[in-house]
């Protein structure tokens, strides 16, 4: 199933674990916070992007059903 990435910038601390795990979906902006490159996640990438979201130590990311 396709999903959508939700980012909570209020809790993001810029650890960049998500970037390491899925650099095609995540980056860090000039403020040091997560930048979501693509919000829509096709089912073929969902597991990898969910793992990247779970790697965030402050739980600033989640993938939800579309």
PDB file of N, CA and C in Angstrom:
ATOM      1  N   UNK A   1       0.845  -1.184   0.000  1.00  0.00           N
ATOM      2  CA  UNK A   1       0.000   0.000   0.000  1.00  0.00           C
ATOM      3  C   UNK A   1       0.886   1.242   0.000  1.00  0.00           C
ATOM      4  N   UNK A   2       0.467   2.238  -0.715  1.00  0.00           N
ATOM      5  CA  UNK A   2       1.206   3.498  -0.763  1.00  0.00           C
ATOM      6  C   UNK A   2       1.046   4.257   0.549  1.00  0.00           C
ATOM      7  N   UNK A   3       2.034   5.070   0.847  1.00  0.00           N
ATOM      8  CA  UNK A   3       2.001   5.849   2.075  1.00  0.00           C
ATOM      9  C   UNK A   3       2.448   7.274   1.844  1.00  0.00           C
ATOM     10  N   UNK A   4       2.324   8.066   2.903  1.00  0.00           N
ATOM     11  CA  UNK A   4       2.719   9.470   2.882  1.00  0.00           C
ATOM     12  C   UNK A   4       3.600   9.721   4.101  1.00  0.00           C
ATOM     13  N   UNK A   5       4.691  10.452   3.891  1.00  0.00           N
ATOM     14  CA  UNK A   5       5.602  10.786   4.987  1.00  0.00           C
ATOM     15  C   UNK A   5       5.091  12.026   5.706  1.00  0.00           C
ATOM     16  N   UNK A   6       5.036  11.941   7.031  1.00  0.00           N
ATOM     17  CA  UNK A   6       4.687  13.078   7.880  1.00  0.00           C
ATOM     18  C   UNK A   6       5.903  13.395   8.747  1.00  0.00           C
ATOM     19  N   UNK A   7       6.304  14.661   8.761  1.00  0.00           N
ATOM     20  CA  UNK A   7       7.450  15.088   9.567  1.00  0.00           C
ATOM     21  C   UNK A   7       6.999  16.099  10.608  1.00  0.00           C
ATOM     22  N   UNK A   8       7.469  15.927  11.833  1.00  0.00           N
ATOM     23  CA  UNK A   8       7.173  16.853  12.916  1.00  0.00           C
ATOM     24  C   UNK A   8       8.428  17.690  13.162  1.00  0.00           C
ATOM     25  N   UNK A   9       8.463  18.870  12.553  1.00  0.00           N
ATOM     26  CA  UNK A   9       9.640  19.731  12.669  1.00  0.00           C
ATOM     27  C   UNK A   9       9.824  20.297  14.077  1.00  0.00           C
ATOM     28  N   UNK A  10       8.776  20.281  14.876  1.00  0.00           N
ATOM     29  CA  UNK A  10       8.881  20.791  16.245  1.00  0.00           C
ATOM     30  C   UNK A  10       9.762  19.900  17.118  1.00  0.00           C
ATOM     31  N   UNK A  11       9.872  18.618  16.771  1.00  0.00           N
ATOM     32  CA  UNK A  11      10.695  17.712  17.577  1.00  0.00           C
ATOM     33  C   UNK A  11      11.988  17.288  16.883  1.00  0.00           C
ATOM     34  N   UNK A  12      12.112  17.534  15.590  1.00  0.00           N
ATOM     35  CA  UNK A  12      13.320  17.146  14.845  1.00  0.00           C
ATOM     36  C   UNK A  12      14.551  17.825  15.450  1.00  0.00           C
ATOM     37  N   UNK A  13      15.611  17.044  15.627  1.00  0.00           N
ATOM     38  CA  UNK A  13      16.871  17.560  16.169  1.00  0.00           C
ATOM     39  C   UNK A  13      18.011  17.487  15.155  1.00  0.00           C
ATOM     40  N   UNK A  14      17.702  17.063  13.929  1.00  0.00           N
ATOM     41  CA  UNK A  14      18.708  17.037  12.875  1.00  0.00           C
ATOM     42  C   UNK A  14      19.740  15.930  12.993  1.00  0.00           C
ATOM     43  N   UNK A  15      19.393  14.818  13.604  1.00  0.00           N
ATOM     44  CA  UNK A  15      20.335  13.704  13.734  1.00  0.00           C
ATOM     45  C   UNK A  15      20.728  13.107  12.379  1.00  0.00           C
ATOM     46  N   UNK A  16      19.852  13.198  11.393  1.00  0.00           N
ATOM     47  CA  UNK A  16      20.094  12.750  10.013  1.00  0.00           C
ATOM     48  C   UNK A  16      20.155  11.238   9.839  1.00  0.00           C
ATOM     49  N   UNK A  17      19.690  10.474  10.813  1.00  0.00           N
ATOM     50  CA  UNK A  17      19.620   9.023  10.634  1.00  0.00           C
ATOM     51  C   UNK A  17      18.740   8.675   9.439  1.00  0.00           C
ATOM     52  N   UNK A  18      17.691   9.434   9.250  1.00  0.00           N
ATOM     53  CA  UNK A  18      16.779   9.194   8.133  1.00  0.00           C
ATOM     54  C   UNK A  18      17.481   9.399   6.795  1.00  0.00           C
ATOM     55  N   UNK A  19      18.362  10.378   6.728  1.00  0.00           N
ATOM     56  CA  UNK A  19      19.098  10.669   5.491  1.00  0.00           C
ATOM     57  C   UNK A  19      20.020   9.505   5.154  1.00  0.00           C
ATOM     58  N   UNK A  20      20.693   8.980   6.153  1.00  0.00           N
ATOM     59  CA  UNK A  20      21.591   7.849   5.942  1.00  0.00           C
ATOM     60  C   UNK A  20      20.807   6.641   5.428  1.00  0.00           C
ATOM     61  N   UNK A  21      19.618   6.426   5.964  1.00  0.00           N
ATOM     62  CA  UNK A  21      18.820   5.253   5.610  1.00  0.00           C
ATOM     63  C   UNK A  21      18.077   5.391   4.285  1.00  0.00           C
ATOM     64  N   UNK A  22      17.703   6.618   3.907  1.00  0.00           N
ATOM     65  CA  UNK A  22      16.911   6.811   2.679  1.00  0.00           C
ATOM     66  C   UNK A  22      17.150   8.213   2.130  1.00  0.00           C
ATOM     67  N   UNK A  23      18.345   8.435   1.606  1.00  0.00           N
ATOM     68  CA  UNK A  23      18.717   9.784   1.154  1.00  0.00           C
ATOM     69  C   UNK A  23      17.897  10.274  -0.035  1.00  0.00           C
ATOM     70  N   UNK A  24      17.229   9.376  -0.730  1.00  0.00           N
ATOM     71  CA  UNK A  24      16.367   9.811  -1.826  1.00  0.00           C
ATOM     72  C   UNK A  24      15.042  10.385  -1.318  1.00  0.00           C
ATOM     73  N   UNK A  25      14.718  10.152  -0.039  1.00  0.00           N
ATOM     74  CA  UNK A  25      13.489  10.686   0.547  1.00  0.00           C
ATOM     75  C   UNK A  25      13.738  11.803   1.557  1.00  0.00           C
ATOM     76  N   UNK A  26      14.910  11.818   2.179  1.00  0.00           N
ATOM     77  CA  UNK A  26      15.174  12.771   3.251  1.00  0.00           C
ATOM     78  C   UNK A  26      16.478  13.524   3.039  1.00  0.00           C
ATOM     79  N   UNK A  27      16.512  14.749   3.555  1.00  0.00           N
ATOM     80  CA  UNK A  27      17.723  15.564   3.572  1.00  0.00           C
ATOM     81  C   UNK A  27      17.625  16.457   4.805  1.00  0.00           C
ATOM     82  N   UNK A  28      18.656  17.246   5.045  1.00  0.00           N
ATOM     83  CA  UNK A  28      18.648  18.209   6.146  1.00  0.00           C
ATOM     84  C   UNK A  28      18.703  19.604   5.534  1.00  0.00           C
ATOM     85  N   UNK A  29      17.804  20.487   5.976  1.00  0.00           N
ATOM     86  CA  UNK A  29      17.753  21.845   5.411  1.00  0.00           C
ATOM     87  C   UNK A  29      18.751  22.772   6.104  1.00  0.00           C
ATOM     88  N   UNK A  30      18.763  24.054   5.706  1.00  0.00           N
ATOM     89  CA  UNK A  30      19.740  24.999   6.267  1.00  0.00           C
ATOM     90  C   UNK A  30      19.497  25.320   7.743  1.00  0.00           C
ATOM     91  N   UNK A  31      18.342  24.959   8.267  1.00  0.00           N
ATOM     92  CA  UNK A  31      18.081  25.144   9.699  1.00  0.00           C
ATOM     93  C   UNK A  31      18.526  23.931  10.511  1.00  0.00           C
ATOM     94  N   UNK A  32      18.963  22.879   9.796  1.00  0.00           N
ATOM     95  CA  UNK A  32      19.382  21.660  10.474  1.00  0.00           C
ATOM     96  C   UNK A  32      18.249  20.698  10.755  1.00  0.00           C
ATOM     97  N   UNK A  33      17.115  20.887  10.073  1.00  0.00           N
ATOM     98  CA  UNK A  33      15.944  20.040  10.282  1.00  0.00           C
ATOM     99  C   UNK A  33      15.690  19.169   9.060  1.00  0.00           C
ATOM    100  N   UNK A  34      14.907  18.117   9.273  1.00  0.00           N
ATOM    101  CA  UNK A  34      14.603  17.198   8.181  1.00  0.00           C
ATOM    102  C   UNK A  34      13.873  17.917   7.045  1.00  0.00           C
ATOM    103  N   UNK A  35      14.272  17.585   5.846  1.00  0.00           N
ATOM    104  CA  UNK A  35      13.611  18.051   4.630  1.00  0.00           C
ATOM    105  C   UNK A  35      13.116  16.799   3.925  1.00  0.00           C
ATOM    106  N   UNK A  36      11.812  16.704   3.716  1.00  0.00           N
ATOM    107  CA  UNK A  36      11.244  15.553   3.026  1.00  0.00           C
ATOM    108  C   UNK A  36      11.285  15.840   1.533  1.00  0.00           C
ATOM    109  N   UNK A  37      12.098  15.082   0.812  1.00  0.00           N
ATOM    110  CA  UNK A  37      12.267  15.284  -0.631  1.00  0.00           C
ATOM    111  C   UNK A  37      11.044  14.819  -1.417  1.00  0.00           C
ATOM    112  N   UNK A  38      10.475  13.703  -1.011  1.00  0.00           N
ATOM    113  CA  UNK A  38       9.286  13.141  -1.660  1.00  0.00           C
ATOM    114  C   UNK A  38       8.326  12.740  -0.548  1.00  0.00           C
ATOM    115  N   UNK A  39       7.115  13.237  -0.589  1.00  0.00           N
ATOM    116  CA  UNK A  39       6.167  12.900   0.477  1.00  0.00           C
ATOM    117  C   UNK A  39       5.448  11.584   0.215  1.00  0.00           C
ATOM    118  N   UNK A  40       5.230  11.245  -1.042  1.00  0.00           N
ATOM    119  CA  UNK A  40       4.516  10.012  -1.371  1.00  0.00           C
ATOM    120  C   UNK A  40       5.496   8.852  -1.477  1.00  0.00           C
ATOM    121  N   UNK A  41       5.125   7.740  -0.842  1.00  0.00           N
ATOM    122  CA  UNK A  41       5.982   6.559  -0.803  1.00  0.00           C
ATOM    123  C   UNK A  41       5.261   5.399  -1.486  1.00  0.00           C
ATOM    124  N   UNK A  42       5.761   4.941  -2.627  1.00  0.00           N
ATOM    125  CA  UNK A  42       5.142   3.784  -3.270  1.00  0.00           C
ATOM    126  C   UNK A  42       5.392   2.519  -2.452  1.00  0.00           C
ATOM    127  N   UNK A  43       4.546   1.536  -2.624  1.00  0.00           N
ATOM    128  CA  UNK A  43       4.655   0.318  -1.824  1.00  0.00           C
ATOM    129  C   UNK A  43       6.015  -0.359  -1.974  1.00  0.00           C
ATOM    130  N   UNK A  44       6.667  -0.222  -3.116  1.00  0.00           N
ATOM    131  CA  UNK A  44       7.984  -0.835  -3.328  1.00  0.00           C
ATOM    132  C   UNK A  44       9.046  -0.261  -2.387  1.00  0.00           C
ATOM    133  N   UNK A  45       8.888   0.982  -1.948  1.00  0.00           N
ATOM    134  CA  UNK A  45       9.860   1.635  -1.060  1.00  0.00           C
ATOM    135  C   UNK A  45       9.392   1.720   0.387  1.00  0.00           C
ATOM    136  N   UNK A  46       8.191   1.311   0.650  1.00  0.00           N
ATOM    137  CA  UNK A  46       7.592   1.578   1.957  1.00  0.00           C
ATOM    138  C   UNK A  46       8.388   0.996   3.122  1.00  0.00           C
ATOM    139  N   UNK A  47       8.808  -0.234   3.033  1.00  0.00           N
ATOM    140  CA  UNK A  47       9.543  -0.849   4.143  1.00  0.00           C
ATOM    141  C   UNK A  47      10.816  -0.073   4.450  1.00  0.00           C
ATOM    142  N   UNK A  48      11.568   0.274   3.425  1.00  0.00           N
ATOM    143  CA  UNK A  48      12.826   1.006   3.612  1.00  0.00           C
ATOM    144  C   UNK A  48      12.580   2.384   4.225  1.00  0.00           C
ATOM    145  N   UNK A  49      11.539   3.085   3.761  1.00  0.00           N
ATOM    146  CA  UNK A  49      11.254   4.426   4.270  1.00  0.00           C
ATOM    147  C   UNK A  49      10.714   4.351   5.702  1.00  0.00           C
ATOM    148  N   UNK A  50       9.917   3.331   6.005  1.00  0.00           N
ATOM    149  CA  UNK A  50       9.447   3.153   7.381  1.00  0.00           C
ATOM    150  C   UNK A  50      10.619   2.873   8.321  1.00  0.00           C
ATOM    151  N   UNK A  51      11.585   2.080   7.869  1.00  0.00           N
ATOM    152  CA  UNK A  51      12.776   1.820   8.683  1.00  0.00           C
ATOM    153  C   UNK A  51      13.567   3.107   8.901  1.00  0.00           C
ATOM    154  N   UNK A  52      13.657   3.937   7.869  1.00  0.00           N
ATOM    155  CA  UNK A  52      14.339   5.230   8.004  1.00  0.00           C
ATOM    156  C   UNK A  52      13.618   6.102   9.026  1.00  0.00           C
ATOM    157  N   UNK A  53      12.292   6.120   8.971  1.00  0.00           N
ATOM    158  CA  UNK A  53      11.507   6.910   9.923  1.00  0.00           C
ATOM    159  C   UNK A  53      11.705   6.390  11.349  1.00  0.00           C
ATOM    160  N   UNK A  54      11.724   5.075  11.505  1.00  0.00           N
ATOM    161  CA  UNK A  54      11.926   4.486  12.840  1.00  0.00           C
ATOM    162  C   UNK A  54      13.332   4.738  13.377  1.00  0.00           C
ATOM    163  N   UNK A  55      14.278   5.036  12.486  1.00  0.00           N
ATOM    164  CA  UNK A  55      15.652   5.290  12.941  1.00  0.00           C
ATOM    165  C   UNK A  55      15.798   6.653  13.614  1.00  0.00           C
ATOM    166  N   UNK A  56      14.776   7.490  13.524  1.00  0.00           N
ATOM    167  CA  UNK A  56      14.817   8.810  14.150  1.00  0.00           C
ATOM    168  C   UNK A  56      14.726   8.657  15.672  1.00  0.00           C
ATOM    169  N   UNK A  57      15.741   9.110  16.409  1.00  0.00           N
ATOM    170  CA  UNK A  57      15.732   8.932  17.860  1.00  0.00           C
ATOM    171  C   UNK A  57      14.691   9.770  18.597  1.00  0.00           C
ATOM    172  N   UNK A  58      14.114  10.779  17.939  1.00  0.00           N
ATOM    173  CA  UNK A  58      13.092  11.601  18.590  1.00  0.00           C
ATOM    174  C   UNK A  58      11.709  11.395  17.964  1.00  0.00           C
ATOM    175  N   UNK A  59      11.573  10.378  17.110  1.00  0.00           N
ATOM    176  CA  UNK A  59      10.295  10.012  16.485  1.00  0.00           C
ATOM    177  C   UNK A  59       9.635  11.184  15.757  1.00  0.00           C
ATOM    178  N   UNK A  60      10.434  11.902  14.974  1.00  0.00           N
ATOM    179  CA  UNK A  60       9.918  13.057  14.232  1.00  0.00           C
ATOM    180  C   UNK A  60       9.281  12.676  12.899  1.00  0.00           C
ATOM    181  N   UNK A  61       9.369  11.404  12.525  1.00  0.00           N
ATOM    182  CA  UNK A  61       8.866  10.969  11.223  1.00  0.00           C
ATOM    183  C   UNK A  61       7.920   9.790  11.361  1.00  0.00           C
ATOM    184  N   UNK A  62       6.964   9.729  10.443  1.00  0.00           N
ATOM    185  CA  UNK A  62       6.112   8.555  10.337  1.00  0.00           C
ATOM    186  C   UNK A  62       5.627   8.425   8.905  1.00  0.00           C
ATOM    187  N   UNK A  63       5.288   7.209   8.534  1.00  0.00           N
ATOM    188  CA  UNK A  63       4.694   6.937   7.232  1.00  0.00           C
ATOM    189  C   UNK A  63       3.278   6.454   7.505  1.00  0.00           C
ATOM    190  N   UNK A  64       2.312   7.159   6.935  1.00  0.00           N
ATOM    191  CA  UNK A  64       0.906   6.825   7.153  1.00  0.00           C
ATOM    192  C   UNK A  64       0.281   6.387   5.836  1.00  0.00           C
ATOM    193  N   UNK A  65      -0.809   5.633   5.935  1.00  0.00           N
ATOM    194  CA  UNK A  65      -1.525   5.211   4.732  1.00  0.00           C
ATOM    195  C   UNK A  65      -2.108   6.408   4.022  1.00  0.00           C
ATOM    196  N   UNK A  66      -2.096   6.322   2.698  1.00  0.00           N
ATOM    197  CA  UNK A  66      -2.652   7.408   1.888  1.00  0.00           C
ATOM    198  C   UNK A  66      -4.147   7.439   1.967  1.00  0.00           C
TER     199      UNK A  66
END
